[in-house]
Amino acid sequence: MAVSSSCKGDPMGMDNGKYVRFTPEQVEALERLYHDCPVTGRLLVTLCLCEQHFSFGSLIFFGKRKRQGALSISFIKKKKFFGGKQEDQKMSTGAPPAAPEEEDGSSSEEEEVKKEIRKEHYSSSHKILLVGEGDFSFSLCLARAFGSARNIVATTVDTHQELAKKYSNAIENLIELQQRGCVVLCGVDATTMSNHFFLTTQRFHRIVYNFPHVGFSFPEDNGCQIMLNKELVKGFMRNAKVLLKKENGEIHVTHKLGEPYDKWDLVKEAKKIGLVNHNTKPFFKDRYPGYAQKRAHGSSPDEPFNLGGSSTFMFRPSG
């Protein structure tokens, strides 16, 4: 399954009729590329994971090259990432691609990575997984505060089509996150995410789920509704525990206080799966500029819900 040598019909010269799933080797290569190439690697991974229309029999490697003031984008088949024949197939737009530039250790990009910036409980030095994002406004708040989103993976259970239908700003926020270097994953179930083909290769300092809710099958204070929400949170915690870094990893759940939310028994349920609540902090929305909590369910998913009193519960493995 190779990249078409002709650009007719498709400006990128791809065979749009043939798609493949990621293999473990490809995931490993994406992981390596993500860490080794600060800009181009992250661009590739983001496009691969979000668009999922690349033929990985021949890796299409996006390399941005500046030459005489013009921007050229080269598509290069690389053996060292995914194997195959020792062959390079290049197509370019704009000026011819220049030789790869050496990464300068004193570059502004690396200085940005080295300089730690904190936003409440989160740091630009943390590798952060955000789960159950609505319109991605919380992810974007952190990205803007850090000046980059290269340390963030943001996920949602919704598809791209559902996001566009449910939220007025979701796609705009998603695009800005990608431009800032974030890996955005759609269709990720919080209760099975440790088996996700990409997430299973990752480990995080912070895993965050703000205001988890399964959606309304019964009234909020109904026992069956409470049980459904408890199962969601337990499933999330169980999977998040697998994806934590061994040292200093934390799971954060931001949750409303009072009845019937106290009946979710977050601390008690976490203890059952080997997590201890080491800290709890009040949640103040105004400390996260741009964040918009969304109903997500029902006939008005883009409308905000009343936060009332809320706190962020912080958990660590008890062992």
Protein backbone atom coordinates (compact mmCIF):
# COMPACT_ATOMS: atom_id res chain seq x y z
CA MET A 1 0.00 0.00 0.00
CA ALA A 2 2.07 2.88 -1.26
CA VAL A 3 1.51 6.55 -1.75
CA SER A 4 0.39 7.29 -5.27
CA SER A 5 3.10 8.76 -7.45
CA SER A 6 0.56 11.01 -9.10
CA CYS A 7 -1.10 14.04 -7.55
CA LYS A 8 -4.07 13.99 -9.90
CA GLY A 9 -7.44 14.13 -8.21
CA ASP A 10 -5.93 14.26 -4.74
CA PRO A 11 -3.55 17.19 -4.13
CA MET A 12 -1.57 15.07 -1.70
CA GLY A 13 -1.28 12.13 -4.07
CA MET A 14 -2.94 9.63 -1.74
CA ASP A 15 -5.07 6.64 -2.52
CA ASN A 16 -8.18 7.69 -0.62
CA GLY A 17 -9.82 4.34 -1.23
CA LYS A 18 -7.37 2.40 0.92
CA TYR A 19 -7.05 2.83 4.64
CA VAL A 20 -5.19 0.81 7.24
CA ARG A 21 -5.29 0.44 10.99
CA PHE A 22 -2.31 1.31 13.16
CA THR A 23 -0.11 -1.65 14.04
CA PRO A 24 1.87 -1.82 17.31
CA GLU A 25 5.02 -1.04 15.33
CA GLN A 26 3.40 2.04 13.84
CA VAL A 27 2.25 3.22 17.24
CA GLU A 28 5.80 2.78 18.52
CA ALA A 29 7.13 4.79 15.59
CA LEU A 30 4.61 7.57 16.15
CA GLU A 31 5.57 7.62 19.82
CA ARG A 32 9.26 7.93 18.92
CA LEU A 33 8.55 10.59 16.33
CA TYR A 34 6.33 12.53 18.73
CA HIS A 35 9.15 12.83 21.26
CA ASP A 36 12.12 13.20 18.91
CA CYS A 37 10.79 15.85 16.54
CA PRO A 38 9.38 18.80 18.52
CA VAL A 39 7.44 20.40 15.66
CA THR A 40 7.12 18.17 12.63
CA GLY A 41 6.63 15.02 14.67
CA ARG A 42 3.77 16.48 16.62
CA LEU A 43 2.16 17.81 13.47
CA LEU A 44 2.32 14.37 11.91
CA VAL A 45 0.96 12.57 14.96
CA THR A 46 -1.90 15.04 15.33
CA LEU A 47 -2.88 14.68 11.69
CA CYS A 48 -2.58 10.91 11.80
CA LEU A 49 -4.67 10.50 14.91
CA CYS A 50 -7.33 13.06 14.06
CA GLU A 51 -7.75 12.53 10.33
CA GLN A 52 -6.78 8.83 10.19
CA HIS A 53 -6.60 8.78 6.41
CA PHE A 54 -2.91 8.19 5.81
CA SER A 55 -1.49 5.10 4.17
CA PHE A 56 1.08 3.88 6.65
CA GLY A 57 2.63 1.38 4.25
CA SER A 58 4.49 4.49 3.17
CA LEU A 59 4.82 7.09 5.87
CA ILE A 60 4.01 10.59 4.78
CA PHE A 61 6.34 12.72 6.81
CA PHE A 62 5.53 16.40 6.95
CA GLY A 63 8.69 18.43 6.98
CA LYS A 64 8.49 22.19 6.97
CA ARG A 65 11.45 23.79 5.26
CA LYS A 66 12.18 27.48 4.81
CA ARG A 67 14.19 28.43 1.73
CA GLN A 68 14.66 31.94 0.42
CA GLY A 69 11.65 33.15 2.38
CA ALA A 70 9.31 30.55 0.86
CA LEU A 71 7.66 27.72 2.74
CA SER A 72 7.90 24.25 1.24
CA ILE A 73 6.16 21.15 2.50
CA SER A 74 7.77 17.86 1.57
CA PHE A 75 6.14 14.46 1.72
CA ILE A 76 8.88 11.91 2.33
CA LYS A 77 8.69 8.12 2.60
CA LYS A 78 11.04 7.16 5.44
CA LYS A 79 12.31 3.61 5.96
CA LYS A 80 13.67 4.28 9.44
CA PHE A 81 10.18 4.84 10.86
CA PHE A 82 7.95 2.18 9.35
CA GLY A 83 10.21 -0.08 7.33
CA GLY A 84 9.73 -0.99 3.70
CA LYS A 85 12.01 -0.43 0.75
CA GLN A 86 14.85 2.04 0.99
CA GLU A 87 13.15 4.56 -1.22
CA ASP A 88 12.24 8.24 -0.98
CA GLN A 89 9.33 9.67 -2.84
CA LYS A 90 9.11 13.46 -2.65
CA MET A 91 6.50 15.89 -3.75
CA SER A 92 6.70 19.54 -2.88
CA THR A 93 4.78 22.75 -3.12
CA GLY A 94 6.47 26.12 -3.22
CA ALA A 95 10.26 26.23 -3.21
CA PRO A 96 12.33 23.02 -3.39
CA PRO A 97 12.97 21.52 0.05
CA ALA A 98 16.19 22.59 1.66
CA ALA A 99 18.42 20.29 3.67
CA PRO A 100 17.05 19.47 7.15
CA GLU A 101 18.00 22.15 9.60
CA GLU A 102 19.94 21.14 12.70
CA GLU A 103 17.99 21.65 15.87
CA ASP A 104 19.68 24.34 17.89
CA GLY A 105 19.69 23.62 21.61
CA SER A 106 19.36 27.34 22.25
CA SER A 107 16.34 27.76 19.99
CA SER A 108 13.35 29.71 21.26
CA GLU A 109 11.24 26.54 20.96
CA GLU A 110 13.42 24.54 23.33
CA GLU A 111 13.69 27.48 25.71
CA GLU A 112 9.91 27.55 25.79
CA VAL A 113 9.80 23.86 26.69
CA LYS A 114 12.41 24.27 29.44
CA LYS A 115 10.74 27.26 31.07
CA GLU A 116 8.10 25.95 33.46
CA ILE A 117 4.77 27.76 33.52
CA ARG A 118 2.12 26.88 36.08
CA LYS A 119 -1.65 27.21 35.86
CA GLU A 120 -3.29 26.30 39.15
CA HIS A 121 -2.62 22.55 39.69
CA TYR A 122 -0.98 22.08 36.28
CA SER A 123 2.43 22.79 34.81
CA SER A 124 3.93 23.04 31.35
CA SER A 125 6.41 20.40 32.55
CA HIS A 126 3.57 17.93 33.19
CA LYS A 127 2.43 15.51 30.54
CA ILE A 128 -1.33 16.00 30.81
CA LEU A 129 -4.24 13.87 29.62
CA LEU A 130 -7.63 15.61 29.56
CA VAL A 131 -10.61 13.27 29.42
CA GLY A 132 -14.24 13.91 28.51
CA GLU A 133 -13.66 17.35 27.06
CA GLY A 134 -16.78 19.12 25.81
CA ASP A 135 -15.88 22.01 23.52
CA PHE A 136 -12.15 21.74 24.45
CA SER A 137 -12.23 25.11 26.19
CA PHE A 138 -10.47 23.79 29.31
CA SER A 139 -7.68 22.24 27.23
CA LEU A 140 -7.32 25.49 25.30
CA CYS A 141 -7.16 27.50 28.52
CA LEU A 142 -4.16 25.47 29.67
CA ALA A 143 -2.54 25.62 26.23
CA ARG A 144 -2.79 29.40 26.12
CA ALA A 145 -1.46 29.70 29.65
CA PHE A 146 1.53 27.49 28.84
CA GLY A 147 2.10 29.11 25.45
CA SER A 148 2.04 25.64 23.92
CA ALA A 149 0.01 22.43 23.99
CA ARG A 150 2.81 20.01 23.17
CA ASN A 151 2.51 18.47 26.63
CA ILE A 152 -1.26 17.92 26.32
CA VAL A 153 -3.39 15.10 24.97
CA ALA A 154 -7.08 16.09 24.90
CA THR A 155 -9.84 13.52 24.38
CA THR A 156 -13.57 13.44 23.91
CA VAL A 157 -16.11 10.65 23.56
CA ASP A 158 -17.73 12.55 20.69
CA THR A 159 -16.87 12.23 17.01
CA HIS A 160 -15.90 15.25 14.91
CA GLN A 161 -19.41 15.34 13.48
CA GLU A 162 -20.98 15.25 16.94
CA LEU A 163 -18.70 18.02 18.17
CA ALA A 164 -19.69 20.29 15.30
CA LYS A 165 -23.37 19.58 15.92
CA LYS A 166 -23.31 19.97 19.71
CA TYR A 167 -20.95 22.88 20.37
CA SER A 168 -20.62 26.25 18.66
CA ASN A 169 -16.88 26.64 19.40
CA ALA A 170 -15.60 23.07 19.55
CA ILE A 171 -14.08 22.82 16.07
CA GLU A 172 -12.48 26.27 16.33
CA ASN A 173 -10.99 25.34 19.70
CA LEU A 174 -9.84 21.96 18.39
CA ILE A 175 -8.02 23.57 15.45
CA GLU A 176 -6.23 26.06 17.69
CA LEU A 177 -5.18 23.24 20.02
CA GLN A 178 -3.72 21.32 17.08
CA GLN A 179 -1.89 24.42 15.90
CA ARG A 180 -0.38 24.73 19.36
CA GLY A 181 0.87 21.13 19.22
CA CYS A 182 -1.85 19.26 21.10
CA VAL A 183 -2.81 15.70 20.23
CA VAL A 184 -6.61 15.65 20.05
CA LEU A 185 -8.40 12.29 20.07
CA CYS A 186 -12.10 11.85 19.34
CA GLY A 187 -14.27 8.85 20.15
CA VAL A 188 -12.36 7.96 23.33
CA ASP A 189 -14.39 6.16 26.00
CA ALA A 190 -13.13 7.10 29.48
CA THR A 191 -14.01 3.62 30.80
CA THR A 192 -11.85 1.77 28.23
CA MET A 193 -9.21 4.36 27.33
CA SER A 194 -6.27 2.35 28.70
CA ASN A 195 -6.80 0.04 25.69
CA HIS A 196 -6.74 2.90 23.17
CA PHE A 197 -4.12 2.23 20.49
CA PHE A 198 -2.25 5.50 21.21
CA LEU A 199 -2.96 6.12 24.88
CA THR A 200 -1.77 2.64 25.81
CA THR A 201 1.74 3.73 24.76
CA GLN A 202 1.66 6.83 26.97
CA ARG A 203 2.08 7.66 30.66
CA PHE A 204 0.96 10.93 32.21
CA HIS A 205 1.74 13.13 35.22
CA ARG A 206 -1.83 14.41 35.39
CA ILE A 207 -5.06 12.82 34.13
CA VAL A 208 -8.02 15.17 34.42
CA TYR A 209 -11.77 14.63 34.10
CA ASN A 210 -13.88 17.71 34.78
CA PHE A 211 -17.50 17.15 35.81
CA PRO A 212 -17.97 13.58 34.57
CA HIS A 213 -21.55 12.67 33.76
CA VAL A 214 -23.03 9.75 31.88
CA GLY A 215 -26.04 11.65 30.56
CA PHE A 216 -29.63 11.57 31.79
CA SER A 217 -31.55 8.32 31.80
CA PHE A 218 -33.31 9.22 35.06
CA PRO A 219 -33.66 12.32 37.25
CA GLU A 220 -30.36 13.48 38.78
CA ASP A 221 -31.24 12.34 42.30
CA ASN A 222 -32.64 8.97 41.20
CA GLY A 223 -30.74 6.00 42.59
CA CYS A 224 -30.30 4.43 39.17
CA GLN A 225 -28.87 7.68 37.76
CA ILE A 226 -26.44 7.95 40.66
CA MET A 227 -25.33 4.35 40.11
CA LEU A 228 -24.71 4.99 36.40
CA ASN A 229 -22.56 8.02 37.19
CA LYS A 230 -20.63 6.10 39.83
CA GLU A 231 -19.88 3.36 37.29
CA LEU A 232 -18.59 5.98 34.86
CA VAL A 233 -16.24 7.50 37.42
CA LYS A 234 -15.01 4.10 38.61
CA GLY A 235 -14.33 3.01 35.05
CA PHE A 236 -12.43 6.21 34.39
CA MET A 237 -10.33 5.90 37.55
CA ARG A 238 -9.53 2.27 36.85
CA ASN A 239 -8.26 3.12 33.37
CA ALA A 240 -6.53 6.33 34.43
CA LYS A 241 -4.55 4.44 37.06
CA VAL A 242 -3.02 2.31 34.30
CA LEU A 243 -1.94 5.40 32.35
CA LEU A 244 -0.30 7.25 35.25
CA LYS A 245 3.42 7.73 35.51
CA LYS A 246 4.82 5.77 38.43
CA GLU A 247 6.32 8.82 40.11
CA ASN A 248 4.20 11.86 41.03
CA GLY A 249 1.24 10.83 38.87
CA GLU A 250 -2.16 12.17 39.89
CA ILE A 251 -5.77 11.68 38.80
CA HIS A 252 -7.98 14.76 39.11
CA VAL A 253 -11.77 14.68 39.13
CA THR A 254 -13.61 18.01 39.38
CA HIS A 255 -17.05 17.40 40.83
CA LYS A 256 -20.06 19.29 42.17
CA LEU A 257 -20.66 19.23 45.92
CA GLY A 258 -23.86 18.67 47.90
CA GLU A 259 -26.84 16.44 47.18
CA PRO A 260 -27.16 14.29 45.17
CA TYR A 261 -23.51 14.53 44.05
CA ASP A 262 -22.05 13.55 47.41
CA LYS A 263 -23.78 10.18 46.94
CA TRP A 264 -21.34 9.40 44.15
CA ASP A 265 -18.83 8.60 46.94
CA LEU A 266 -15.77 9.53 44.89
CA VAL A 267 -13.26 8.99 47.68
CA LYS A 268 -14.78 5.69 48.79
CA GLU A 269 -15.02 4.31 45.26
CA ALA A 270 -11.44 5.39 44.48
CA LYS A 271 -10.18 3.55 47.55
CA LYS A 272 -11.70 0.32 46.25
CA ILE A 273 -9.42 0.43 43.20
CA GLY A 274 -6.26 1.41 45.06
CA LEU A 275 -6.39 5.21 44.90
CA VAL A 276 -6.09 7.59 47.82
CA ASN A 277 -7.50 11.13 47.96
CA HIS A 278 -4.40 13.07 49.01
CA ASN A 279 -5.86 16.54 48.45
CA THR A 280 -9.06 18.40 47.54
CA LYS A 281 -9.12 21.98 46.26
CA PRO A 282 -12.10 24.28 45.61
CA PHE A 283 -12.72 24.81 41.91
CA PHE A 284 -13.00 28.41 40.74
CA LYS A 285 -13.99 28.79 37.10
CA ASP A 286 -12.67 32.35 36.84
CA ARG A 287 -9.15 31.02 37.31
CA TYR A 288 -9.45 29.27 33.95
CA PRO A 289 -10.15 32.08 31.45
CA GLY A 290 -12.19 30.91 28.48
CA TYR A 291 -13.37 27.69 30.11
CA ALA A 292 -17.05 27.01 29.44
CA GLN A 293 -18.75 24.11 31.20
CA LYS A 294 -21.31 22.50 28.88
CA ARG A 295 -24.41 20.42 29.48
CA ALA A 296 -23.22 18.06 26.72
CA HIS A 297 -26.43 16.04 26.88
CA GLY A 298 -30.09 16.64 26.12
CA SER A 299 -31.67 19.18 23.78
CA SER A 300 -29.28 22.04 24.70
CA PRO A 301 -25.78 20.51 24.88
CA ASP A 302 -24.04 23.85 24.23
CA GLU A 303 -25.70 25.57 27.19
CA PRO A 304 -23.78 25.95 30.49
CA PHE A 305 -24.85 24.17 33.65
CA ASN A 306 -24.80 25.64 37.15
CA LEU A 307 -21.49 24.84 38.83
CA GLY A 308 -22.55 25.72 42.36
CA GLY A 309 -19.96 24.57 44.86
CA SER A 310 -17.35 22.37 43.16
CA SER A 311 -13.98 20.90 44.05
CA THR A 312 -11.12 19.11 42.35
CA PHE A 313 -10.41 15.77 44.03
CA MET A 314 -6.81 14.65 43.60
CA PHE A 315 -5.94 10.95 43.78
CA ARG A 316 -2.70 8.97 43.84
CA PRO A 317 -2.08 5.21 43.83
CA SER A 318 -2.18 4.00 47.42
CA GLY A 319 0.76 1.66 46.93
